[in-house]
N, C-alpha and C. Protein backbone atom coordinates (compact mmCIF):
# COMPACT_ATOMS: atom_id res chain seq x y z
N MET A 1 105.66 104.08 133.80
CA MET A 1 105.90 105.59 133.44
C MET A 1 104.55 106.11 133.29
N THR A 2 104.35 107.35 133.86
CA THR A 2 103.39 108.03 133.37
C THR A 2 103.26 108.67 132.27
N THR A 3 102.38 109.11 131.45
CA THR A 3 102.04 109.57 130.32
C THR A 3 103.28 111.05 130.28
N THR A 4 102.95 111.65 131.37
CA THR A 4 103.77 112.83 131.25
C THR A 4 105.32 112.72 131.43
N ASP A 5 105.78 111.63 132.06
CA ASP A 5 107.17 111.02 131.99
C ASP A 5 107.75 110.87 130.71
N GLN A 6 106.61 109.92 130.38
CA GLN A 6 107.10 109.34 128.89
C GLN A 6 107.31 110.33 127.81
N ARG A 7 106.55 111.48 127.97
CA ARG A 7 106.42 112.62 126.97
C ARG A 7 107.62 113.49 127.32
N LYS A 8 108.15 113.79 128.44
CA LYS A 8 109.38 114.38 128.89
C LYS A 8 110.67 113.36 128.33
N LYS A 9 110.53 112.26 128.27
CA LYS A 9 111.68 111.37 128.04
C LYS A 9 111.75 111.24 126.34
N TYR A 10 110.65 111.39 125.84
CA TYR A 10 110.50 111.66 124.33
C TYR A 10 111.19 112.90 123.97
N GLU A 11 110.97 113.94 124.57
CA GLU A 11 111.21 115.33 124.20
C GLU A 11 112.54 115.39 124.43
N ALA A 12 113.09 114.85 125.52
CA ALA A 12 114.70 114.93 125.95
C ALA A 12 115.40 114.23 124.75
N VAL A 13 115.11 113.17 124.12
CA VAL A 13 115.80 112.20 123.33
C VAL A 13 115.86 112.91 121.98
N ASP A 14 114.71 113.56 121.59
CA ASP A 14 114.52 114.24 120.36
C ASP A 14 115.40 115.39 120.32
N HIS A 15 115.36 116.07 121.60
CA HIS A 15 116.27 117.38 121.52
C HIS A 15 117.67 117.06 121.57
N ALA A 16 117.97 115.80 122.17
CA ALA A 16 119.54 115.55 121.93
C ALA A 16 119.99 115.21 120.79
N LEU A 17 119.14 114.57 120.03
CA LEU A 17 119.20 113.99 118.63
C LEU A 17 119.43 115.42 117.63
N LEU A 18 118.48 116.39 117.75
CA LEU A 18 118.63 117.36 117.03
C LEU A 18 119.83 118.39 117.47
N ASN A 19 120.29 118.28 118.27
CA ASN A 19 121.69 118.85 118.96
C ASN A 19 122.78 118.41 118.58
N LYS A 20 122.72 117.22 118.14
CA LYS A 20 123.90 116.16 117.56
C LYS A 20 124.13 116.65 116.14
N TRP A 21 123.03 116.67 115.47
CA TRP A 21 123.18 117.01 113.91
C TRP A 21 123.17 118.66 113.79
N ARG A 22 123.12 119.30 114.79
CA ARG A 22 123.37 120.74 114.50
C ARG A 22 124.62 121.06 114.85
N LYS A 23 125.54 120.42 115.53
CA LYS A 23 126.80 120.46 115.80
C LYS A 23 127.66 120.65 114.67
N PRO A 24 128.99 121.19 114.63
CA PRO A 24 129.85 121.38 113.03
C PRO A 24 129.91 120.06 112.80
N GLU A 25 130.16 118.90 113.53
CA GLU A 25 130.48 117.39 113.05
C GLU A 25 129.21 116.93 112.58
N GLY A 26 128.15 117.33 113.07
CA GLY A 26 126.83 116.80 112.45
C GLY A 26 126.35 117.27 111.37
N GLN A 27 126.67 118.89 111.23
CA GLN A 27 126.26 119.42 109.89
C GLN A 27 127.28 118.96 108.91
N GLU A 28 128.59 118.69 108.85
CA GLU A 28 129.69 118.00 108.08
C GLU A 28 128.85 116.62 107.57
N LEU A 29 128.35 115.66 108.45
CA LEU A 29 127.77 114.62 107.97
C LEU A 29 126.55 114.71 107.03
N ILE A 30 125.73 115.70 107.32
CA ILE A 30 124.44 116.21 106.76
C ILE A 30 125.31 116.43 105.34
N ARG A 31 125.96 117.47 105.32
CA ARG A 31 126.28 117.85 103.90
C ARG A 31 126.71 116.72 103.06
N GLU A 32 127.81 115.96 103.48
CA GLU A 32 128.36 115.06 102.83
C GLU A 32 127.30 113.63 102.55
N GLY A 33 126.59 113.49 103.47
CA GLY A 33 125.73 112.57 103.58
C GLY A 33 124.58 112.70 102.50
N GLY A 34 124.19 114.22 102.48
CA GLY A 34 123.20 114.54 101.29
C GLY A 34 123.53 114.32 100.04
N LYS A 35 125.09 114.70 99.71
CA LYS A 35 125.63 114.49 98.23
C LYS A 35 125.56 112.83 97.89
N ILE A 36 125.93 111.92 98.91
CA ILE A 36 125.89 110.66 98.43
C ILE A 36 124.63 110.16 98.18
N ALA A 37 123.52 110.46 99.08
CA ALA A 37 122.20 110.07 98.96
C ALA A 37 121.76 110.64 97.75
N ASN A 38 121.98 112.05 97.08
CA ASN A 38 121.62 112.17 95.87
C ASN A 38 122.07 111.39 94.86
N TYR A 39 123.35 111.17 94.99
CA TYR A 39 123.97 110.36 93.73
C TYR A 39 123.10 109.12 93.65
N LEU A 40 123.00 108.43 94.84
CA LEU A 40 122.60 107.01 94.88
C LEU A 40 120.93 107.13 94.09
N ILE A 41 120.24 107.93 94.45
CA ILE A 41 118.83 108.34 93.88
C ILE A 41 119.01 108.37 92.46
N ASP A 42 119.93 109.01 91.88
CA ASP A 42 119.90 109.55 90.71
C ASP A 42 120.51 108.70 89.76
N HIS A 43 122.03 108.13 90.39
CA HIS A 43 122.72 107.40 89.40
C HIS A 43 122.89 105.89 89.87
N GLY A 44 122.71 105.59 91.02
CA GLY A 44 123.29 104.20 91.41
C GLY A 44 124.37 104.35 92.32
N PRO A 45 125.20 103.04 92.42
CA PRO A 45 126.36 102.87 93.04
C PRO A 45 127.30 104.00 92.85
N LEU A 46 127.92 104.80 93.93
CA LEU A 46 128.84 105.75 93.76
C LEU A 46 130.33 105.06 93.93
N PRO A 47 130.90 105.25 92.93
CA PRO A 47 132.47 104.83 93.01
C PRO A 47 133.19 105.88 93.86
N VAL A 48 134.24 105.21 94.72
CA VAL A 48 134.72 105.94 95.57
C VAL A 48 135.87 107.00 95.37
N HIS A 49 136.13 106.92 94.08
CA HIS A 49 136.95 108.07 93.37
C HIS A 49 136.03 109.18 93.25
N VAL A 50 134.65 109.03 92.88
CA VAL A 50 133.96 110.00 92.69
C VAL A 50 133.41 110.78 94.09
N ALA A 51 133.21 109.55 95.11
CA ALA A 51 132.79 110.29 96.27
C ALA A 51 133.91 110.96 96.80
N ASP A 52 135.15 110.69 96.80
CA ASP A 52 136.27 111.65 97.27
C ASP A 52 136.52 112.76 96.89
N ALA A 53 136.08 112.81 95.35
CA ALA A 53 136.30 114.23 94.46
C ALA A 53 135.00 115.30 95.52
N MET A 54 134.19 114.68 95.88
CA MET A 54 132.91 115.26 96.51
C MET A 54 133.45 115.80 97.90
N LEU A 55 134.46 115.48 98.59
CA LEU A 55 134.52 116.33 99.62
C LEU A 55 135.06 117.71 99.78
N PRO A 56 135.08 118.36 100.53
CA PRO A 56 135.83 119.56 100.51
C PRO A 56 137.46 119.31 100.39
N GLU A 57 138.24 120.25 99.71
CA GLU A 57 139.45 120.00 99.54
C GLU A 57 140.37 119.43 100.83
N GLU A 58 139.82 119.91 101.90
CA GLU A 58 140.84 119.88 103.04
C GLU A 58 140.62 118.38 103.69
N HIS A 59 139.72 117.79 102.92
CA HIS A 59 139.12 116.25 103.58
C HIS A 59 139.59 115.04 102.50
N ARG A 60 139.71 115.49 101.31
CA ARG A 60 140.04 114.62 100.22
C ARG A 60 141.06 113.74 100.20
N ALA A 61 142.06 113.85 101.01
CA ALA A 61 143.17 112.86 101.34
C ALA A 61 142.52 112.01 102.47
N THR A 62 141.76 112.37 103.08
CA THR A 62 140.90 111.19 104.18
C THR A 62 140.31 110.49 103.08
N GLY A 63 139.55 110.68 102.37
CA GLY A 63 138.40 109.87 101.65
C GLY A 63 137.06 109.65 102.32
N MET A 64 135.76 109.67 101.31
CA MET A 64 134.71 109.79 101.93
C MET A 64 134.47 108.71 102.68
N ILE A 65 134.86 107.18 102.58
CA ILE A 65 134.58 106.10 103.65
C ILE A 65 135.33 106.61 104.72
N LYS A 66 136.62 106.67 105.02
CA LYS A 66 137.20 106.98 106.16
C LYS A 66 136.50 108.17 106.77
N PHE A 67 136.28 109.44 106.17
CA PHE A 67 135.87 110.48 106.87
C PHE A 67 134.48 110.16 107.51
N PHE A 68 133.80 109.15 107.10
CA PHE A 68 132.45 108.66 107.61
C PHE A 68 132.68 108.00 108.69
N ASN A 69 133.71 106.84 108.49
CA ASN A 69 134.32 106.05 109.61
C ASN A 69 134.45 106.69 111.04
N ASP A 70 135.50 107.70 110.48
CA ASP A 70 135.81 108.47 111.86
C ASP A 70 135.06 109.40 112.55
N ARG A 71 133.80 109.35 112.01
CA ARG A 71 132.47 109.87 112.73
C ARG A 71 131.49 108.90 113.17
N ASP A 72 131.92 107.53 113.10
CA ASP A 72 130.92 106.55 113.55
C ASP A 72 129.78 106.35 112.96
N TYR A 73 130.04 106.66 111.63
CA TYR A 73 128.99 106.29 110.48
C TYR A 73 129.56 105.70 109.47
N GLY A 74 129.44 104.24 109.43
CA GLY A 74 130.09 103.22 108.45
C GLY A 74 128.89 103.25 107.16
N LEU A 75 129.66 103.58 106.11
CA LEU A 75 129.00 103.66 104.91
C LEU A 75 128.84 102.15 104.47
N GLU A 76 127.84 101.82 103.76
CA GLU A 76 127.78 100.57 102.88
C GLU A 76 128.51 100.56 101.84
N VAL A 77 129.12 99.35 101.23
CA VAL A 77 129.66 99.34 100.16
C VAL A 77 129.28 97.75 99.39
N ASN A 78 129.41 98.12 98.28
CA ASN A 78 129.25 96.67 97.56
C ASN A 78 130.57 95.97 97.25
N ALA A 79 130.45 94.73 96.47
CA ALA A 79 131.67 93.84 96.21
C ALA A 79 132.70 94.67 95.36
N ALA A 80 132.20 95.46 94.62
CA ALA A 80 133.04 96.31 93.82
C ALA A 80 133.64 97.71 94.79
N GLY A 81 133.33 97.56 95.83
CA GLY A 81 133.88 98.71 96.45
C GLY A 81 133.34 100.04 96.55
N ASP A 82 132.20 100.29 95.70
CA ASP A 82 131.37 101.26 95.40
C ASP A 82 130.30 101.50 96.83
N ILE A 83 130.11 102.77 97.09
CA ILE A 83 129.27 103.04 98.00
C ILE A 83 127.88 102.83 97.65
N VAL A 84 126.90 102.21 98.71
CA VAL A 84 125.77 101.89 98.13
C VAL A 84 124.73 102.23 99.16
N GLY A 85 125.03 102.74 100.25
CA GLY A 85 123.98 103.13 101.09
C GLY A 85 124.69 104.12 102.31
N ALA A 86 123.95 105.13 102.72
CA ALA A 86 124.21 106.05 103.59
C ALA A 86 122.82 106.77 103.96
N GLY A 87 122.00 106.04 104.93
CA GLY A 87 120.72 106.02 105.36
C GLY A 87 119.91 105.72 104.37
N ILE A 88 119.88 105.99 103.06
CA ILE A 88 118.90 105.40 102.19
C ILE A 88 120.07 104.37 101.44
N SER A 89 119.63 103.34 101.00
CA SER A 89 120.32 102.18 100.47
C SER A 89 119.97 101.65 99.22
N LEU A 90 120.83 101.18 98.28
CA LEU A 90 120.26 100.30 97.04
C LEU A 90 120.29 98.86 97.36
N ILE A 91 120.62 98.48 98.47
CA ILE A 91 120.68 96.98 98.86
C ILE A 91 119.88 96.69 99.81
N ALA A 92 119.23 95.32 100.00
CA ALA A 92 118.48 94.93 101.24
C ALA A 92 119.31 94.11 101.96
N ASP A 93 119.69 94.46 103.25
CA ASP A 93 120.38 93.70 103.90
C ASP A 93 119.43 93.29 105.15
N GLU A 94 119.64 92.50 106.43
CA GLU A 94 118.90 92.10 107.34
C GLU A 94 118.03 93.13 107.66
N ARG A 95 118.54 94.27 107.92
CA ARG A 95 117.73 95.21 108.64
C ARG A 95 116.93 96.27 107.51
N SER A 96 117.65 96.82 106.22
CA SER A 96 117.16 97.69 105.55
C SER A 96 116.23 97.14 104.74
N ALA A 97 116.06 95.98 104.59
CA ALA A 97 115.23 95.27 103.78
C ALA A 97 113.83 95.51 104.64
N VAL A 98 113.70 95.82 106.06
CA VAL A 98 112.45 96.00 106.60
C VAL A 98 111.72 97.26 106.39
N HIS A 99 112.77 98.40 105.93
CA HIS A 99 112.21 99.69 105.66
C HIS A 99 112.31 100.02 104.43
N VAL A 100 111.15 100.28 103.43
CA VAL A 100 111.20 100.24 102.14
C VAL A 100 110.57 101.68 101.77
N SER A 101 110.96 102.47 100.71
CA SER A 101 110.41 103.62 100.28
C SER A 101 110.48 103.40 98.78
N GLU A 102 109.56 104.05 98.07
CA GLU A 102 109.53 104.21 96.66
C GLU A 102 109.60 105.78 96.28
N ILE A 103 111.05 105.97 95.64
CA ILE A 103 111.23 107.45 95.12
C ILE A 103 111.62 107.36 93.48
N LYS A 104 110.91 108.51 93.01
CA LYS A 104 110.89 108.56 91.68
C LYS A 104 111.05 107.16 91.02
N GLY A 105 109.55 106.52 91.32
CA GLY A 105 109.46 105.35 90.68
C GLY A 105 110.44 104.09 90.93
N ARG A 106 111.48 104.28 92.14
CA ARG A 106 112.27 103.11 92.23
C ARG A 106 111.98 102.84 93.59
N ARG A 107 112.42 101.38 93.97
CA ARG A 107 112.49 100.92 95.42
C ARG A 107 113.87 101.31 95.82
N PHE A 108 113.60 101.78 97.22
CA PHE A 108 114.73 101.95 98.28
C PHE A 108 114.81 101.28 99.61
N TYR A 109 115.92 100.94 100.25
CA TYR A 109 115.90 100.31 101.17
C TYR A 109 116.25 101.71 102.25
N ASN A 110 116.01 101.47 103.57
CA ASN A 110 116.47 102.31 104.79
C ASN A 110 117.05 101.75 105.61
N TRP A 111 117.89 102.70 106.49
CA TRP A 111 118.23 102.34 107.51
C TRP A 111 117.40 102.16 108.96
N CYS A 112 116.53 102.95 108.88
CA CYS A 112 115.62 103.11 109.92
C CYS A 112 114.34 103.86 109.47
N VAL A 113 113.18 103.97 110.36
CA VAL A 113 111.91 104.79 109.94
C VAL A 113 112.03 106.27 109.50
N CYS A 114 113.08 106.78 110.40
CA CYS A 114 113.49 108.02 110.26
C CYS A 114 113.71 108.23 108.70
N ASP A 115 114.69 107.61 108.25
CA ASP A 115 115.35 107.67 106.96
C ASP A 115 113.96 107.47 105.89
N ILE A 116 113.21 106.89 105.96
CA ILE A 116 111.70 106.41 105.23
C ILE A 116 111.25 107.87 104.84
N VAL A 117 110.92 108.55 106.22
CA VAL A 117 110.40 109.70 106.25
C VAL A 117 111.39 111.07 105.83
N MET A 118 112.45 111.00 106.08
CA MET A 118 113.52 112.27 106.03
C MET A 118 113.58 112.29 104.50
N PHE A 119 114.40 111.10 103.72
CA PHE A 119 114.54 111.57 102.42
C PHE A 119 113.49 112.06 101.22
N PRO A 120 112.10 111.47 101.32
CA PRO A 120 111.11 112.22 100.66
C PRO A 120 110.76 113.86 101.02
N ILE A 121 110.85 113.95 102.11
CA ILE A 121 110.66 115.52 102.87
C ILE A 121 111.75 116.41 102.01
N VAL A 122 113.05 115.97 102.26
CA VAL A 122 114.27 116.68 101.65
C VAL A 122 114.15 116.78 100.21
N LEU A 123 113.67 115.84 99.51
CA LEU A 123 113.48 115.98 97.83
C LEU A 123 112.30 116.49 97.38
N GLY A 124 111.38 116.71 98.75
CA GLY A 124 109.94 117.28 98.31
C GLY A 124 109.17 116.54 97.51
N LEU A 125 109.13 115.15 97.77
CA LEU A 125 108.35 114.24 97.02
C LEU A 125 107.72 113.37 98.06
N ASP A 126 106.21 112.66 97.49
CA ASP A 126 105.49 112.03 98.07
C ASP A 126 106.08 110.71 97.77
N ALA A 127 106.06 109.76 98.89
CA ALA A 127 106.80 108.36 98.71
C ALA A 127 105.86 107.26 99.54
N PRO A 128 105.55 106.31 98.75
CA PRO A 128 104.72 104.98 99.41
C PRO A 128 105.64 104.40 100.22
N SER A 129 105.41 103.75 101.29
CA SER A 129 106.48 103.28 102.28
C SER A 129 106.03 102.13 102.99
N SER A 130 106.68 101.47 103.47
CA SER A 130 106.41 100.17 104.33
C SER A 130 107.51 99.92 105.31
N THR A 131 107.35 99.39 106.60
CA THR A 131 108.12 98.68 107.50
C THR A 131 107.44 97.64 108.15
N LYS A 132 108.24 96.87 108.95
CA LYS A 132 107.72 95.78 109.71
C LYS A 132 107.73 96.23 111.26
N CYS A 133 106.50 96.00 111.80
CA CYS A 133 106.47 96.09 113.43
C CYS A 133 107.42 94.75 114.09
N PRO A 134 108.57 95.19 114.60
CA PRO A 134 109.26 94.17 115.43
C PRO A 134 108.76 93.22 116.21
N ALA A 135 107.67 93.47 116.82
CA ALA A 135 107.28 92.62 117.69
C ALA A 135 106.00 91.64 117.31
N SER A 136 105.22 92.32 116.09
CA SER A 136 104.22 91.24 115.64
C SER A 136 104.55 90.70 114.29
N GLY A 137 105.34 91.47 113.54
CA GLY A 137 105.97 91.11 112.16
C GLY A 137 104.98 91.62 111.22
N GLU A 138 103.87 92.31 111.43
CA GLU A 138 102.96 92.94 110.58
C GLU A 138 103.62 93.70 110.03
N THR A 139 103.21 94.08 108.48
CA THR A 139 103.88 95.06 107.73
C THR A 139 102.94 96.48 108.08
N ILE A 140 103.41 97.53 108.17
CA ILE A 140 102.96 98.76 108.27
C ILE A 140 103.20 99.60 107.19
N THR A 141 102.15 100.21 106.28
CA THR A 141 102.32 100.85 105.05
C THR A 141 101.58 102.36 105.54
N PHE A 142 102.33 103.23 104.71
CA PHE A 142 102.01 104.50 104.51
C PHE A 142 102.52 105.36 103.52
N THR A 143 102.05 106.72 103.31
CA THR A 143 102.72 107.49 102.34
C THR A 143 103.25 108.73 102.79
N VAL A 144 104.62 108.97 102.86
CA VAL A 144 105.19 110.07 103.28
C VAL A 144 104.74 111.19 102.29
N THR A 145 104.14 112.19 102.72
CA THR A 145 103.89 113.47 101.86
C THR A 145 104.56 114.59 102.46
N GLN A 146 104.67 115.91 101.90
CA GLN A 146 105.10 117.25 102.47
C GLN A 146 104.25 117.76 103.67
N LYS A 147 103.17 116.98 104.13
CA LYS A 147 102.36 117.55 105.16
C LYS A 147 102.07 116.50 106.39
N GLY A 148 102.55 115.18 106.02
CA GLY A 148 102.61 114.25 107.11
C GLY A 148 102.38 112.89 106.60
N LEU A 149 102.28 112.02 107.36
CA LEU A 149 101.95 110.58 107.01
C LEU A 149 100.51 110.24 106.55
N GLU A 150 100.21 109.76 105.50
CA GLU A 150 98.85 109.46 104.79
C GLU A 150 98.71 108.06 104.51
N ASN A 151 97.56 107.83 104.65
CA ASN A 151 97.15 106.35 104.12
C ASN A 151 97.68 105.32 105.12
N LEU A 152 97.83 105.93 106.35
CA LEU A 152 98.54 104.71 107.55
C LEU A 152 97.43 103.26 107.67
N SER A 153 98.29 102.43 107.51
CA SER A 153 97.48 101.19 107.48
C SER A 153 97.27 100.81 109.12
N HIS A 154 97.91 101.50 109.89
CA HIS A 154 97.91 101.19 111.32
C HIS A 154 97.86 102.60 111.96
N PRO A 155 96.56 103.39 112.27
CA PRO A 155 96.63 104.69 112.47
C PRO A 155 96.84 104.81 114.04
N ASP A 156 96.89 103.56 114.84
CA ASP A 156 97.16 103.59 116.29
C ASP A 156 98.82 103.48 116.55
N ALA A 157 99.59 103.67 115.43
CA ALA A 157 101.14 103.00 115.53
C ALA A 157 101.67 103.82 116.29
N TRP A 158 102.58 103.48 117.09
CA TRP A 158 103.58 104.01 117.80
C TRP A 158 105.28 103.67 117.53
N PHE A 159 105.83 105.02 117.66
CA PHE A 159 107.50 104.34 117.19
C PHE A 159 108.34 104.83 118.34
N THR A 160 109.43 104.16 118.32
CA THR A 160 110.81 104.18 119.35
C THR A 160 111.67 105.13 118.67
N LEU A 161 112.16 105.73 119.64
CA LEU A 161 113.56 106.59 119.08
C LEU A 161 114.57 106.32 120.07
N ALA A 162 115.87 106.48 119.64
CA ALA A 162 117.06 106.01 120.63
C ALA A 162 118.15 107.10 120.29
N PRO A 163 118.86 107.34 121.50
CA PRO A 163 119.96 108.39 121.18
C PRO A 163 120.84 107.84 120.16
N ALA A 164 122.01 108.65 119.86
CA ALA A 164 122.75 108.52 118.51
C ALA A 164 123.94 108.85 118.92
N HIS A 165 124.49 108.02 120.08
CA HIS A 165 125.85 107.96 120.45
C HIS A 165 126.41 107.18 121.13
N GLY A 166 127.97 106.76 120.99
CA GLY A 166 128.41 105.71 121.69
C GLY A 166 128.98 104.47 121.02
N GLY A 167 128.85 104.93 119.45
CA GLY A 167 129.43 103.65 118.49
C GLY A 167 128.48 104.11 117.24
N ASP A 168 128.73 102.85 116.21
CA ASP A 168 128.13 103.06 114.81
C ASP A 168 126.93 103.48 114.92
N ILE A 169 126.61 104.48 113.87
CA ILE A 169 125.08 104.95 113.89
C ILE A 169 123.99 103.98 113.84
N ARG A 170 124.25 102.99 113.06
CA ARG A 170 123.32 101.66 112.67
C ARG A 170 122.89 101.14 114.21
N LYS A 171 124.32 100.64 114.58
CA LYS A 171 123.97 100.09 115.97
C LYS A 171 123.40 100.81 117.32
N VAL A 172 123.76 101.95 117.32
CA VAL A 172 123.31 102.85 118.40
C VAL A 172 121.78 103.61 118.33
N TYR A 173 121.68 103.70 116.72
CA TYR A 173 120.50 104.52 116.69
C TYR A 173 119.59 103.82 115.74
N CYS A 174 120.08 103.54 114.41
CA CYS A 174 119.19 103.09 113.37
C CYS A 174 118.49 101.61 113.57
N ASN A 175 119.19 100.76 114.31
CA ASN A 175 118.35 99.44 114.51
C ASN A 175 117.65 99.51 115.77
N ARG A 176 117.30 100.82 116.45
CA ARG A 176 116.39 100.57 117.66
C ARG A 176 115.07 101.78 117.32
N VAL A 177 115.29 102.28 116.11
CA VAL A 177 114.35 103.17 115.73
C VAL A 177 113.07 102.40 114.99
N ASN A 178 112.21 101.95 115.15
CA ASN A 178 111.30 101.34 114.69
C ASN A 178 109.69 101.73 114.94
N ILE A 179 108.91 101.23 113.89
CA ILE A 179 107.35 101.49 114.45
C ILE A 179 106.56 100.29 114.61
N TYR A 180 105.99 100.34 115.78
CA TYR A 180 105.10 99.15 116.40
C TYR A 180 103.59 99.50 115.96
N ILE A 181 102.85 98.29 116.08
CA ILE A 181 101.47 98.64 115.62
C ILE A 181 100.64 99.13 116.61
N ASP A 182 101.14 99.28 117.77
CA ASP A 182 100.32 100.08 118.68
C ASP A 182 101.26 100.25 119.79
N ARG A 183 100.88 101.22 120.80
CA ARG A 183 101.34 101.77 122.05
C ARG A 183 102.07 100.94 122.66
N GLU A 184 101.34 99.83 123.34
CA GLU A 184 101.41 98.69 123.91
C GLU A 184 102.78 98.08 123.91
N LYS A 185 103.18 97.78 122.41
CA LYS A 185 104.12 97.43 121.93
C LYS A 185 105.62 98.10 121.72
N ALA A 186 105.08 99.45 121.58
CA ALA A 186 106.46 100.47 121.71
C ALA A 186 106.89 100.56 123.09
N GLU A 187 105.89 100.64 124.00
CA GLU A 187 105.94 100.66 125.57
C GLU A 187 106.80 99.47 125.93
N ALA A 188 106.66 98.32 125.26
CA ALA A 188 107.27 96.93 126.03
C ALA A 188 108.95 97.33 125.30
N ALA A 189 108.93 97.61 124.01
CA ALA A 189 110.33 97.78 123.65
C ALA A 189 111.04 98.85 124.45
N VAL A 190 110.53 100.11 125.10
CA VAL A 190 110.78 100.97 125.90
C VAL A 190 111.61 100.35 127.14
N ALA A 191 110.56 99.44 128.00
CA ALA A 191 110.56 98.98 129.03
C ALA A 191 111.99 97.59 128.89
N ALA A 192 112.37 97.69 127.50
CA ALA A 192 113.33 96.38 127.86
C ALA A 192 114.63 97.12 127.16
N ASP A 193 114.52 98.18 126.73
CA ASP A 193 115.78 99.38 126.56
C ASP A 193 115.50 100.61 127.11
N SER A 194 116.13 100.94 128.43
CA SER A 194 115.95 101.95 129.12
C SER A 194 116.17 103.41 128.42
N ASP A 195 117.06 103.04 127.39
CA ASP A 195 117.64 104.58 126.52
C ASP A 195 116.25 104.98 125.50
N LEU A 196 115.51 103.82 125.20
CA LEU A 196 114.58 104.54 124.12
C LEU A 196 113.51 105.11 124.62
N ALA A 197 112.77 105.90 123.75
CA ALA A 197 111.59 106.78 124.39
C ALA A 197 110.70 106.39 122.95
N CYS A 198 109.30 106.63 123.13
CA CYS A 198 108.47 106.35 122.21
C CYS A 198 107.39 107.25 122.09
N ALA A 199 106.66 107.46 121.09
CA ALA A 199 105.58 108.80 120.75
C ALA A 199 104.64 107.85 119.78
N PRO A 200 103.51 108.49 119.73
CA PRO A 200 102.61 108.31 118.63
C PRO A 200 103.26 108.62 117.40
N ILE A 201 102.70 107.47 116.34
CA ILE A 201 103.03 107.81 114.75
C ILE A 201 103.29 109.16 114.20
N ALA A 202 102.23 110.22 114.66
CA ALA A 202 102.18 111.64 114.14
C ALA A 202 103.48 112.09 114.45
N GLU A 203 104.07 111.80 115.65
CA GLU A 203 105.37 112.65 116.00
C GLU A 203 106.50 112.43 115.02
N LEU A 204 106.33 111.21 114.38
CA LEU A 204 107.49 110.86 113.70
C LEU A 204 107.90 111.66 112.41
N TRP A 205 106.65 112.15 111.97
CA TRP A 205 106.96 112.97 110.74
C TRP A 205 107.27 114.42 111.19
N THR A 206 106.61 114.97 112.28
CA THR A 206 106.96 116.09 112.79
C THR A 206 108.59 116.18 113.42
N GLY A 207 108.75 115.11 114.08
CA GLY A 207 110.44 115.06 114.47
C GLY A 207 111.39 115.09 113.38
N THR A 208 111.04 114.33 112.34
CA THR A 208 111.81 114.25 111.24
C THR A 208 111.86 115.21 110.43
N LYS A 209 110.88 115.90 110.44
CA LYS A 209 110.92 117.36 109.58
C LYS A 209 112.20 118.12 109.96
N ASP A 210 112.03 118.31 111.46
CA ASP A 210 113.16 119.23 111.91
C ASP A 210 114.53 118.87 111.55
N LEU A 211 114.83 117.66 111.33
CA LEU A 211 116.22 116.84 110.68
C LEU A 211 116.28 117.45 109.21
N ALA A 212 115.14 116.90 108.64
CA ALA A 212 115.02 117.16 107.31
C ALA A 212 115.57 118.80 106.84
N ASP A 213 115.07 119.58 107.60
CA ASP A 213 115.33 121.08 107.33
C ASP A 213 116.63 121.58 107.45
N MET A 214 117.53 120.58 108.13
CA MET A 214 119.01 120.86 108.18
C MET A 214 119.88 120.52 106.97
N PHE A 215 119.15 119.87 105.94
CA PHE A 215 119.73 119.59 104.72
C PHE A 215 119.66 120.87 103.54
């Protein structure tokens, strides 16, 4: 794939993602997801009855968990049934343990690298963060700021972007959105998964800022 074709593909995937979240159902998820994320960051696990009461009156009978499930967005819950994850997570499972950020002096886990970047932008905070390159296993560190990504341990890193349709958000999107230590490894991931697009690491902050501005 030529550089021009690669760029066009990335722009197409990015455009489709933003359009998804701009639609009414996307705005609903952003609205309710923002409530959940703020609660998790400020208070910890979110009891289901508290979450249900956060919903607009017309959706309260459905309940928060089903509200998200019906929209292909499965929330994380703990053994007590409390909500503990919605993009940003209080628990480290096999995937979210890879994507770590420090917010308000506490460690949080994230479903994908876009979540690492998005939540600090939404909150107006700087956040020391890290992830792992799926190909090399190397840890990639950086600080999310309100102007971009700083203190990059791998300034030549690239990242992959995936469509967010056709199933649960973590499977079709989050698990496929990663940072690689260099362009070669990101392009290899794209070659193995034709739905993916890739771009230099600087594009990660720019594209995610467009999403963060919807909150």
